[in-house]
Structure formats: structure tokens, C-alpha cells
Amino acid sequence: MVGKLPYHLKKHFVSLSHMGVIPDDVDHDKLYEDVNEMRQKYYHVPLNQVSVGIAVQDLFQVAYNHRIHIPNEMTLLGKSILTMESVATFLDPNISVVDVAEPFGKKLFWDRLNPFVNRLSFSIVLLALSIVILGLIVGGAISGTVSPIIGKVPIVEISFFIALLMILWLLFAIFRPGRF
């Protein structure tokens, strides 16, 4: 039964065991089986059809059955979710906690993604600058002149200056306050 659990979940179990959350004498095969059963129960179900309260209860039941220590903060969070869902269901039986929480989750996702996107953009800009400089160096070396001049206009230097201005503008757009 252990082989059915994905590798990344097995790594979580190892981490939890090292933290002392999972007792040493727990039946790991049965625990893996129960977690896999719970994962299969919710895996392909659309979020609007999942009762968050029941999912939290299932999670706590598996933890209780295997004597897994759940930190007090997590227990309080689970109880708060159950209370919130029952009050919301009492006030509006058609409400879905997932539908209410979805906009906040999207905003949180994009807020956490923006620094990564900015760093990625910055890396691409630096790569582009390196390629432009390399092209100027190689082009100058192949032509045998330091600065090809067409009609007394230094094309390479003007192109480099324009590229530099574009890169500085892009860096300003990335690093302006509140963006990085």
C-alpha cells in the first residue's frame, strides 16, 4: 500500500516524523492507506462540491485514529473553519465557502507570484543586455573596426545607447515602488 502514495507525500510524512508529530510506533502502512483514501475522496471533486467542514473533520479523524499530534493552532483553525462554515450555511444554505474564499486566494496567489515574475523579468533583461554587448563585441571584431560608421554616423554606438535606454526604462518599470 505504501507504493500507492505519491513520492512528495511520502517526503511530508518523513518530515512530520522527524518533527515528532507522528509517533514512532504508528502503523505507517495503515496511515498511508488512510491518507491515500482521503486524498482519493477529494482528488477529482470540484471545489464547489467539497464541504470544507467535512474535509477538516476527515483530516482530524485520520490524525486521531493514528495518534498524530496536531498543534493547537491548527486545531483552533479547524474549529474556526467548521464554525464559519456552519454559520454561513445557516445564513445562506446555498453559499459555498470555496466560492467566497476564491477571490482572496487568487489575490494571495498573484501577490506571491509578482516578486518571482519581477525577478524573472530582471534576469531576462540582464541576459538580453549581455547578448547585445556580446553582439557588439563580436560584430566589431569580425568587421575589423572598432566602430563601423555609415555616412559618418556611428551606428553601433547609437544602437547600444538606444538598447541601454530601453533596458534602463524596463528596470525602472520593474523596480518602481511597490512592484519589487
N, C-alpha and C. Protein backbone atom coordinates (compact mmCIF):
# COMPACT_ATOMS: atom_id res chain seq x y z
N MET A 1 0.82 -1.19 0.00
CA MET A 1 0.00 0.00 0.00
C MET A 1 0.87 1.26 0.00
N VAL A 2 2.08 1.17 0.49
CA VAL A 2 2.95 2.33 0.55
C VAL A 2 3.26 2.85 -0.84
N GLY A 3 3.35 1.97 -1.82
CA GLY A 3 3.70 2.37 -3.17
C GLY A 3 2.64 3.22 -3.83
N LYS A 4 1.40 3.21 -3.35
CA LYS A 4 0.33 3.97 -3.98
C LYS A 4 0.42 5.46 -3.64
N LEU A 5 1.10 5.80 -2.56
CA LEU A 5 1.19 7.19 -2.13
C LEU A 5 2.28 7.88 -2.94
N PRO A 6 1.97 9.06 -3.53
CA PRO A 6 2.98 9.77 -4.33
C PRO A 6 4.23 10.08 -3.50
N TYR A 7 5.34 10.18 -4.21
CA TYR A 7 6.64 10.39 -3.56
C TYR A 7 6.66 11.65 -2.70
N HIS A 8 6.10 12.76 -3.23
CA HIS A 8 6.16 14.01 -2.47
C HIS A 8 5.37 13.92 -1.16
N LEU A 9 4.31 13.11 -1.13
CA LEU A 9 3.59 12.93 0.13
C LEU A 9 4.38 12.08 1.11
N LYS A 10 5.11 11.10 0.60
CA LYS A 10 5.97 10.31 1.48
C LYS A 10 7.02 11.19 2.15
N LYS A 11 7.55 12.16 1.40
CA LYS A 11 8.53 13.08 1.96
C LYS A 11 7.92 13.91 3.09
N HIS A 12 6.64 14.29 2.94
CA HIS A 12 5.96 15.03 4.01
C HIS A 12 5.84 14.18 5.27
N PHE A 13 5.54 12.90 5.08
CA PHE A 13 5.43 12.01 6.24
C PHE A 13 6.78 11.89 6.95
N VAL A 14 7.85 11.79 6.19
CA VAL A 14 9.18 11.70 6.79
C VAL A 14 9.48 12.98 7.57
N SER A 15 9.14 14.14 6.99
CA SER A 15 9.38 15.41 7.68
C SER A 15 8.56 15.50 8.96
N LEU A 16 7.29 15.10 8.89
CA LEU A 16 6.45 15.13 10.08
C LEU A 16 6.95 14.17 11.16
N SER A 17 7.48 13.03 10.74
CA SER A 17 8.04 12.08 11.71
C SER A 17 9.25 12.68 12.41
N HIS A 18 10.11 13.36 11.65
CA HIS A 18 11.30 13.98 12.25
C HIS A 18 10.92 15.12 13.19
N MET A 19 9.78 15.76 12.93
CA MET A 19 9.32 16.86 13.79
C MET A 19 8.67 16.34 15.06
N GLY A 20 8.40 15.05 15.12
CA GLY A 20 7.77 14.48 16.30
C GLY A 20 6.25 14.56 16.27
N VAL A 21 5.67 14.89 15.13
CA VAL A 21 4.22 14.99 15.01
C VAL A 21 3.61 13.60 14.91
N ILE A 22 4.28 12.72 14.18
CA ILE A 22 3.81 11.34 14.01
C ILE A 22 4.56 10.46 15.01
N PRO A 23 3.84 9.73 15.85
CA PRO A 23 4.52 8.86 16.82
C PRO A 23 5.37 7.79 16.13
N ASP A 24 6.40 7.34 16.81
CA ASP A 24 7.30 6.34 16.24
C ASP A 24 6.63 4.98 16.06
N ASP A 25 5.67 4.66 16.94
CA ASP A 25 5.06 3.34 16.89
C ASP A 25 3.79 3.28 16.02
N VAL A 26 3.56 4.29 15.19
CA VAL A 26 2.37 4.29 14.35
C VAL A 26 2.51 3.27 13.22
N ASP A 27 1.41 2.69 12.81
CA ASP A 27 1.39 1.76 11.68
C ASP A 27 1.43 2.58 10.39
N HIS A 28 2.62 2.73 9.82
CA HIS A 28 2.80 3.60 8.66
C HIS A 28 1.99 3.12 7.46
N ASP A 29 1.91 1.82 7.26
CA ASP A 29 1.13 1.32 6.12
C ASP A 29 -0.34 1.71 6.23
N LYS A 30 -0.90 1.58 7.42
CA LYS A 30 -2.31 1.94 7.63
C LYS A 30 -2.49 3.45 7.50
N LEU A 31 -1.54 4.22 8.01
CA LEU A 31 -1.61 5.68 7.89
C LEU A 31 -1.57 6.09 6.42
N TYR A 32 -0.62 5.52 5.66
CA TYR A 32 -0.54 5.83 4.23
C TYR A 32 -1.84 5.46 3.53
N GLU A 33 -2.40 4.32 3.91
CA GLU A 33 -3.65 3.86 3.30
C GLU A 33 -4.79 4.84 3.60
N ASP A 34 -4.89 5.28 4.85
CA ASP A 34 -5.96 6.22 5.23
C ASP A 34 -5.79 7.57 4.54
N VAL A 35 -4.57 8.06 4.47
CA VAL A 35 -4.32 9.34 3.81
C VAL A 35 -4.60 9.23 2.31
N ASN A 36 -4.19 8.12 1.71
CA ASN A 36 -4.44 7.92 0.28
C ASN A 36 -5.94 7.82 0.01
N GLU A 37 -6.67 7.15 0.91
CA GLU A 37 -8.12 7.04 0.77
C GLU A 37 -8.78 8.42 0.84
N MET A 38 -8.31 9.24 1.79
CA MET A 38 -8.85 10.59 1.92
C MET A 38 -8.48 11.45 0.71
N ARG A 39 -7.27 11.27 0.23
CA ARG A 39 -6.83 12.02 -0.96
C ARG A 39 -7.67 11.64 -2.17
N GLN A 40 -7.95 10.36 -2.34
CA GLN A 40 -8.77 9.91 -3.46
C GLN A 40 -10.21 10.42 -3.34
N LYS A 41 -10.68 10.54 -2.09
CA LYS A 41 -12.05 11.01 -1.86
C LYS A 41 -12.24 12.43 -2.37
N TYR A 42 -11.21 13.27 -2.24
CA TYR A 42 -11.32 14.68 -2.60
C TYR A 42 -10.56 15.06 -3.86
N TYR A 43 -9.81 14.14 -4.43
CA TYR A 43 -8.87 14.49 -5.51
C TYR A 43 -9.56 15.02 -6.76
N HIS A 44 -10.55 14.34 -7.29
CA HIS A 44 -11.18 14.74 -8.54
C HIS A 44 -12.52 15.44 -8.34
N VAL A 45 -12.82 15.85 -7.11
CA VAL A 45 -14.09 16.51 -6.82
C VAL A 45 -13.90 18.02 -7.01
N PRO A 46 -14.80 18.67 -7.76
CA PRO A 46 -14.70 20.13 -7.90
C PRO A 46 -14.82 20.81 -6.54
N LEU A 47 -14.11 21.91 -6.39
CA LEU A 47 -14.06 22.58 -5.08
C LEU A 47 -15.42 23.05 -4.60
N ASN A 48 -16.31 23.41 -5.53
CA ASN A 48 -17.62 23.89 -5.08
C ASN A 48 -18.49 22.75 -4.55
N GLN A 49 -18.08 21.50 -4.73
CA GLN A 49 -18.82 20.36 -4.21
C GLN A 49 -18.18 19.78 -2.94
N VAL A 50 -17.11 20.38 -2.49
CA VAL A 50 -16.42 19.90 -1.30
C VAL A 50 -16.89 20.70 -0.09
N SER A 51 -17.31 20.00 0.94
CA SER A 51 -17.63 20.65 2.21
C SER A 51 -16.32 20.77 2.99
N VAL A 52 -15.90 22.00 3.18
CA VAL A 52 -14.64 22.22 3.88
C VAL A 52 -14.71 21.65 5.29
N GLY A 53 -15.86 21.79 5.92
CA GLY A 53 -16.02 21.27 7.28
C GLY A 53 -15.84 19.77 7.35
N ILE A 54 -16.45 19.06 6.40
CA ILE A 54 -16.32 17.59 6.39
C ILE A 54 -14.88 17.19 6.08
N ALA A 55 -14.23 17.92 5.17
CA ALA A 55 -12.83 17.62 4.85
C ALA A 55 -11.94 17.80 6.07
N VAL A 56 -12.17 18.88 6.82
CA VAL A 56 -11.37 19.11 8.04
C VAL A 56 -11.67 18.02 9.07
N GLN A 57 -12.95 17.64 9.20
CA GLN A 57 -13.30 16.57 10.13
C GLN A 57 -12.62 15.25 9.73
N ASP A 58 -12.60 14.95 8.43
CA ASP A 58 -11.93 13.73 7.96
C ASP A 58 -10.44 13.76 8.30
N LEU A 59 -9.83 14.91 8.09
CA LEU A 59 -8.41 15.06 8.39
C LEU A 59 -8.15 14.86 9.88
N PHE A 60 -8.97 15.47 10.73
CA PHE A 60 -8.80 15.31 12.17
C PHE A 60 -9.07 13.88 12.60
N GLN A 61 -10.00 13.21 11.94
CA GLN A 61 -10.31 11.82 12.30
C GLN A 61 -9.12 10.90 11.99
N VAL A 62 -8.50 11.11 10.83
CA VAL A 62 -7.31 10.32 10.49
C VAL A 62 -6.20 10.59 11.51
N ALA A 63 -6.02 11.85 11.86
CA ALA A 63 -4.99 12.19 12.85
C ALA A 63 -5.30 11.54 14.20
N TYR A 64 -6.55 11.57 14.61
CA TYR A 64 -6.94 10.97 15.89
C TYR A 64 -6.75 9.46 15.87
N ASN A 65 -7.14 8.81 14.77
CA ASN A 65 -7.02 7.35 14.67
C ASN A 65 -5.57 6.88 14.77
N HIS A 66 -4.64 7.73 14.35
CA HIS A 66 -3.23 7.32 14.33
C HIS A 66 -2.41 8.05 15.41
N ARG A 67 -3.09 8.69 16.35
CA ARG A 67 -2.45 9.38 17.47
C ARG A 67 -1.43 10.43 17.00
N ILE A 68 -1.77 11.10 15.93
CA ILE A 68 -0.90 12.16 15.40
C ILE A 68 -1.19 13.44 16.17
N HIS A 69 -0.14 14.07 16.63
CA HIS A 69 -0.27 15.31 17.39
C HIS A 69 -0.50 16.46 16.42
N ILE A 70 -1.63 17.12 16.58
CA ILE A 70 -1.91 18.31 15.77
C ILE A 70 -1.65 19.52 16.65
N PRO A 71 -0.84 20.46 16.19
CA PRO A 71 -0.56 21.65 17.01
C PRO A 71 -1.86 22.39 17.36
N ASN A 72 -1.87 23.03 18.51
CA ASN A 72 -3.06 23.72 18.99
C ASN A 72 -3.57 24.75 17.99
N GLU A 73 -2.66 25.45 17.32
CA GLU A 73 -3.07 26.47 16.37
C GLU A 73 -3.86 25.85 15.21
N MET A 74 -3.43 24.68 14.75
CA MET A 74 -4.12 24.01 13.66
C MET A 74 -5.50 23.51 14.11
N THR A 75 -5.59 23.04 15.34
CA THR A 75 -6.87 22.59 15.87
C THR A 75 -7.84 23.77 15.96
N LEU A 76 -7.34 24.89 16.44
CA LEU A 76 -8.17 26.09 16.54
C LEU A 76 -8.59 26.57 15.15
N LEU A 77 -7.68 26.49 14.18
CA LEU A 77 -8.01 26.88 12.81
C LEU A 77 -9.10 25.96 12.25
N GLY A 78 -8.98 24.67 12.47
CA GLY A 78 -10.00 23.72 12.00
C GLY A 78 -11.35 23.99 12.64
N LYS A 79 -11.34 24.26 13.94
CA LYS A 79 -12.60 24.56 14.64
C LYS A 79 -13.20 25.85 14.10
N SER A 80 -12.37 26.83 13.83
CA SER A 80 -12.87 28.10 13.29
C SER A 80 -13.48 27.90 11.90
N ILE A 81 -12.85 27.09 11.09
CA ILE A 81 -13.39 26.81 9.75
C ILE A 81 -14.74 26.11 9.86
N LEU A 82 -14.83 25.13 10.76
CA LEU A 82 -16.10 24.43 10.95
C LEU A 82 -17.20 25.39 11.42
N THR A 83 -16.87 26.25 12.37
CA THR A 83 -17.85 27.22 12.88
C THR A 83 -18.26 28.19 11.79
N MET A 84 -17.27 28.69 11.04
CA MET A 84 -17.56 29.64 9.97
C MET A 84 -18.47 29.01 8.92
N GLU A 85 -18.18 27.77 8.55
CA GLU A 85 -19.00 27.12 7.53
C GLU A 85 -20.41 26.87 8.04
N SER A 86 -20.56 26.47 9.31
CA SER A 86 -21.91 26.21 9.82
C SER A 86 -22.72 27.50 9.93
N VAL A 87 -22.11 28.60 10.35
CA VAL A 87 -22.81 29.88 10.43
C VAL A 87 -23.18 30.36 9.03
N ALA A 88 -22.24 30.26 8.09
CA ALA A 88 -22.52 30.69 6.72
C ALA A 88 -23.62 29.84 6.10
N THR A 89 -23.64 28.56 6.37
CA THR A 89 -24.69 27.67 5.83
C THR A 89 -26.03 27.99 6.47
N PHE A 90 -26.03 28.36 7.76
CA PHE A 90 -27.27 28.73 8.43
C PHE A 90 -27.84 30.01 7.83
N LEU A 91 -26.95 30.99 7.55
CA LEU A 91 -27.40 32.27 7.00
C LEU A 91 -27.83 32.14 5.53
N ASP A 92 -27.09 31.36 4.76
CA ASP A 92 -27.40 31.17 3.35
C ASP A 92 -27.08 29.72 2.98
N PRO A 93 -28.09 28.85 2.90
CA PRO A 93 -27.83 27.43 2.64
C PRO A 93 -27.16 27.16 1.29
N ASN A 94 -27.25 28.08 0.35
CA ASN A 94 -26.66 27.88 -0.98
C ASN A 94 -25.24 28.41 -1.09
N ILE A 95 -24.71 28.96 -0.01
CA ILE A 95 -23.38 29.56 -0.07
C ILE A 95 -22.31 28.46 -0.10
N SER A 96 -21.26 28.75 -0.82
CA SER A 96 -20.10 27.86 -0.87
C SER A 96 -18.91 28.61 -0.29
N VAL A 97 -18.31 28.03 0.73
CA VAL A 97 -17.16 28.68 1.36
C VAL A 97 -16.04 28.86 0.35
N VAL A 98 -15.90 27.89 -0.53
CA VAL A 98 -14.85 27.96 -1.55
C VAL A 98 -15.09 29.15 -2.48
N ASP A 99 -16.35 29.36 -2.88
CA ASP A 99 -16.66 30.50 -3.76
C ASP A 99 -16.37 31.83 -3.07
N VAL A 100 -16.62 31.90 -1.78
CA VAL A 100 -16.35 33.12 -1.03
C VAL A 100 -14.85 33.35 -0.89
N ALA A 101 -14.11 32.28 -0.64
CA ALA A 101 -12.66 32.39 -0.40
C ALA A 101 -11.85 32.51 -1.69
N GLU A 102 -12.42 32.12 -2.82
CA GLU A 102 -11.66 32.07 -4.08
C GLU A 102 -11.04 33.42 -4.46
N PRO A 103 -11.76 34.56 -4.41
CA PRO A 103 -11.11 35.83 -4.77
C PRO A 103 -9.91 36.16 -3.89
N PHE A 104 -10.00 35.84 -2.60
CA PHE A 104 -8.88 36.10 -1.69
C PHE A 104 -7.69 35.19 -2.03
N GLY A 105 -8.00 33.95 -2.37
CA GLY A 105 -6.94 33.02 -2.77
C GLY A 105 -6.24 33.47 -4.04
N LYS A 106 -7.02 33.94 -5.01
CA LYS A 106 -6.41 34.44 -6.26
C LYS A 106 -5.52 35.64 -6.00
N LYS A 107 -6.02 36.58 -5.17
CA LYS A 107 -5.22 37.76 -4.86
C LYS A 107 -3.92 37.37 -4.15
N LEU A 108 -4.02 36.45 -3.19
CA LEU A 108 -2.84 35.97 -2.49
C LEU A 108 -1.86 35.31 -3.44
N PHE A 109 -2.39 34.49 -4.37
CA PHE A 109 -1.54 33.82 -5.36
C PHE A 109 -0.79 34.83 -6.21
N TRP A 110 -1.50 35.84 -6.73
CA TRP A 110 -0.84 36.82 -7.59
C TRP A 110 0.12 37.71 -6.81
N ASP A 111 -0.22 38.02 -5.55
CA ASP A 111 0.70 38.82 -4.74
C ASP A 111 2.01 38.08 -4.48
N ARG A 112 1.91 36.77 -4.29
CA ARG A 112 3.14 35.99 -4.07
C ARG A 112 3.88 35.70 -5.36
N LEU A 113 3.18 35.71 -6.49
CA LEU A 113 3.81 35.42 -7.77
C LEU A 113 4.55 36.62 -8.33
N ASN A 114 4.08 37.85 -8.04
CA ASN A 114 4.67 39.05 -8.61
C ASN A 114 6.17 39.19 -8.36
N PRO A 115 6.67 38.98 -7.13
CA PRO A 115 8.13 39.09 -6.96
C PRO A 115 8.90 38.09 -7.83
N PHE A 116 8.36 36.89 -7.99
CA PHE A 116 9.01 35.90 -8.84
C PHE A 116 9.03 36.37 -10.30
N VAL A 117 7.91 36.90 -10.76
CA VAL A 117 7.83 37.39 -12.14
C VAL A 117 8.79 38.55 -12.34
N ASN A 118 8.88 39.44 -11.35
CA ASN A 118 9.80 40.56 -11.47
C ASN A 118 11.25 40.09 -11.51
N ARG A 119 11.59 39.12 -10.70
CA ARG A 119 12.96 38.59 -10.72
C ARG A 119 13.26 37.91 -12.06
N LEU A 120 12.27 37.20 -12.57
CA LEU A 120 12.44 36.55 -13.87
C LEU A 120 12.63 37.59 -14.96
N SER A 121 11.83 38.66 -14.95
CA SER A 121 11.97 39.73 -15.93
C SER A 121 13.35 40.37 -15.83
N PHE A 122 13.78 40.60 -14.61
CA PHE A 122 15.10 41.20 -14.39
C PHE A 122 16.19 40.30 -14.96
N SER A 123 16.08 39.00 -14.75
CA SER A 123 17.07 38.06 -15.28
C SER A 123 17.08 38.07 -16.80
N ILE A 124 15.90 38.13 -17.40
CA ILE A 124 15.82 38.16 -18.87
C ILE A 124 16.41 39.45 -19.41
N VAL A 125 16.19 40.56 -18.73
CA VAL A 125 16.77 41.85 -19.16
C VAL A 125 18.29 41.79 -19.10
N LEU A 126 18.82 41.22 -18.02
CA LEU A 126 20.28 41.11 -17.92
C LEU A 126 20.84 40.20 -19.00
N LEU A 127 20.12 39.12 -19.30
CA LEU A 127 20.54 38.23 -20.37
C LEU A 127 20.52 38.95 -21.72
N ALA A 128 19.48 39.72 -21.97
CA ALA A 128 19.38 40.47 -23.23
C ALA A 128 20.51 41.49 -23.35
N LEU A 129 20.80 42.18 -22.24
CA LEU A 129 21.91 43.14 -22.26
C LEU A 129 23.23 42.44 -22.55
N SER A 130 23.44 41.28 -21.97
CA SER A 130 24.67 40.52 -22.21
C SER A 130 24.77 40.11 -23.68
N ILE A 131 23.65 39.69 -24.26
CA ILE A 131 23.65 39.29 -25.67
C ILE A 131 23.94 40.48 -26.57
N VAL A 132 23.35 41.64 -26.26
CA VAL A 132 23.59 42.85 -27.06
C VAL A 132 25.06 43.24 -26.99
N ILE A 133 25.62 43.24 -25.79
CA ILE A 133 27.04 43.61 -25.64
C ILE A 133 27.92 42.60 -26.37
N LEU A 134 27.61 41.32 -26.24
CA LEU A 134 28.37 40.29 -26.94
C LEU A 134 28.28 40.49 -28.46
N GLY A 135 27.09 40.80 -28.94
CA GLY A 135 26.91 41.05 -30.38
C GLY A 135 27.74 42.23 -30.85
N LEU A 136 27.79 43.28 -30.05
CA LEU A 136 28.59 44.45 -30.43
C LEU A 136 30.08 44.12 -30.45
N ILE A 137 30.52 43.35 -29.46
CA ILE A 137 31.94 42.99 -29.41
C ILE A 137 32.31 42.08 -30.57
N VAL A 138 31.50 41.05 -30.80
CA VAL A 138 31.79 40.11 -31.89
C VAL A 138 31.68 40.81 -33.25
N GLY A 139 30.65 41.63 -33.40
CA GLY A 139 30.48 42.36 -34.67
C GLY A 139 31.64 43.29 -34.95
N GLY A 140 32.12 43.96 -33.92
CA GLY A 140 33.27 44.85 -34.10
C GLY A 140 34.54 44.07 -34.41
N ALA A 141 34.69 42.89 -33.79
CA ALA A 141 35.89 42.07 -34.03
C ALA A 141 35.87 41.49 -35.44
N ILE A 142 34.71 41.06 -35.91
CA ILE A 142 34.62 40.47 -37.25
C ILE A 142 34.85 41.52 -38.33
N SER A 143 34.29 42.71 -38.13
CA SER A 143 34.43 43.74 -39.17
C SER A 143 35.83 44.35 -39.17
N GLY A 144 36.57 44.18 -38.10
CA GLY A 144 37.93 44.68 -38.05
C GLY A 144 38.00 46.14 -37.66
N THR A 145 36.87 46.74 -37.45
CA THR A 145 36.86 48.13 -37.00
C THR A 145 36.20 48.18 -35.64
N VAL A 146 36.59 49.16 -34.89
CA VAL A 146 36.03 49.30 -33.57
C VAL A 146 34.62 49.88 -33.67
N SER A 147 34.41 50.81 -34.59
CA SER A 147 33.11 51.46 -34.71
C SER A 147 32.76 51.63 -36.18
N PRO A 148 31.89 50.73 -36.69
CA PRO A 148 31.50 50.91 -38.08
C PRO A 148 30.71 52.20 -38.25
N ILE A 149 31.14 52.99 -39.15
CA ILE A 149 30.49 54.28 -39.38
C ILE A 149 29.92 54.28 -40.78
N ILE A 150 28.63 54.53 -40.85
CA ILE A 150 27.95 54.61 -42.15
C ILE A 150 27.56 56.07 -42.35
N GLY A 151 28.18 56.68 -43.28
CA GLY A 151 27.88 58.08 -43.56
C GLY A 151 28.20 58.97 -42.37
N LYS A 152 29.32 58.71 -41.72
CA LYS A 152 29.78 59.48 -40.56
C LYS A 152 28.84 59.38 -39.35
N VAL A 153 27.99 58.30 -39.32
CA VAL A 153 27.10 58.09 -38.18
C VAL A 153 27.52 56.79 -37.50
N PRO A 154 27.91 56.83 -36.22
CA PRO A 154 28.34 55.62 -35.51
C PRO A 154 27.12 54.74 -35.14
N ILE A 155 26.78 53.83 -36.04
CA ILE A 155 25.57 53.01 -35.89
C ILE A 155 25.63 52.12 -34.63
N VAL A 156 26.76 51.50 -34.39
CA VAL A 156 26.87 50.59 -33.25
C VAL A 156 26.67 51.34 -31.94
N GLU A 157 27.32 52.48 -31.79
CA GLU A 157 27.19 53.24 -30.55
C GLU A 157 25.76 53.75 -30.35
N ILE A 158 25.12 54.20 -31.41
CA ILE A 158 23.74 54.68 -31.29
C ILE A 158 22.82 53.51 -30.93
N SER A 159 23.02 52.36 -31.57
CA SER A 159 22.20 51.19 -31.26
C SER A 159 22.40 50.76 -29.81
N PHE A 160 23.65 50.77 -29.36
CA PHE A 160 23.93 50.40 -27.98
C PHE A 160 23.26 51.38 -27.01
N PHE A 161 23.33 52.68 -27.32
CA PHE A 161 22.72 53.69 -26.47
C PHE A 161 21.20 53.52 -26.41
N ILE A 162 20.57 53.24 -27.53
CA ILE A 162 19.12 53.01 -27.55
C ILE A 162 18.76 51.76 -26.74
N ALA A 163 19.54 50.68 -26.92
CA ALA A 163 19.30 49.45 -26.16
C ALA A 163 19.47 49.70 -24.66
N LEU A 164 20.48 50.48 -24.31
CA LEU A 164 20.72 50.80 -22.90
C LEU A 164 19.55 51.60 -22.32
N LEU A 165 19.04 52.59 -23.08
CA LEU A 165 17.90 53.36 -22.61
C LEU A 165 16.66 52.47 -22.42
N MET A 166 16.44 51.54 -23.35
CA MET A 166 15.30 50.63 -23.23
C MET A 166 15.44 49.74 -21.99
N ILE A 167 16.64 49.25 -21.74
CA ILE A 167 16.88 48.40 -20.57
C ILE A 167 16.71 49.19 -19.29
N LEU A 168 17.20 50.43 -19.25
CA LEU A 168 17.03 51.26 -18.06
C LEU A 168 15.55 51.55 -17.80
N TRP A 169 14.79 51.80 -18.87
CA TRP A 169 13.35 52.04 -18.72
C TRP A 169 12.66 50.79 -18.17
N LEU A 170 13.04 49.62 -18.67
CA LEU A 170 12.44 48.38 -18.20
C LEU A 170 12.82 48.11 -16.74
N LEU A 171 14.07 48.37 -16.38
CA LEU A 171 14.48 48.20 -14.98
C LEU A 171 13.73 49.16 -14.06
N PHE A 172 13.52 50.39 -14.52
CA PHE A 172 12.74 51.35 -13.73
C PHE A 172 11.31 50.83 -13.54
N ALA A 173 10.72 50.28 -14.59
CA ALA A 173 9.36 49.75 -14.50
C ALA A 173 9.30 48.58 -13.52
N ILE A 174 10.36 47.78 -13.47
CA ILE A 174 10.37 46.63 -12.55
C ILE A 174 10.58 47.09 -11.11
N PHE A 175 11.51 48.02 -10.90
CA PHE A 175 11.89 48.39 -9.55
C PHE A 175 11.11 49.56 -8.98
N ARG A 176 10.17 50.15 -9.72
CA ARG A 176 9.45 51.27 -9.16
C ARG A 176 8.75 50.84 -7.88
N PRO A 177 8.51 51.78 -6.99
CA PRO A 177 7.96 51.44 -5.66
C PRO A 177 6.70 50.59 -5.75
N GLY A 178 6.67 49.55 -4.91
CA GLY A 178 5.51 48.69 -4.83
C GLY A 178 5.49 47.56 -5.82
N ARG A 179 6.48 47.48 -6.68
CA ARG A 179 6.48 46.43 -7.69
C ARG A 179 7.45 45.31 -7.39
N PHE A 180 8.51 45.57 -6.61
CA PHE A 180 9.55 44.55 -6.39
C PHE A 180 9.76 44.37 -4.92
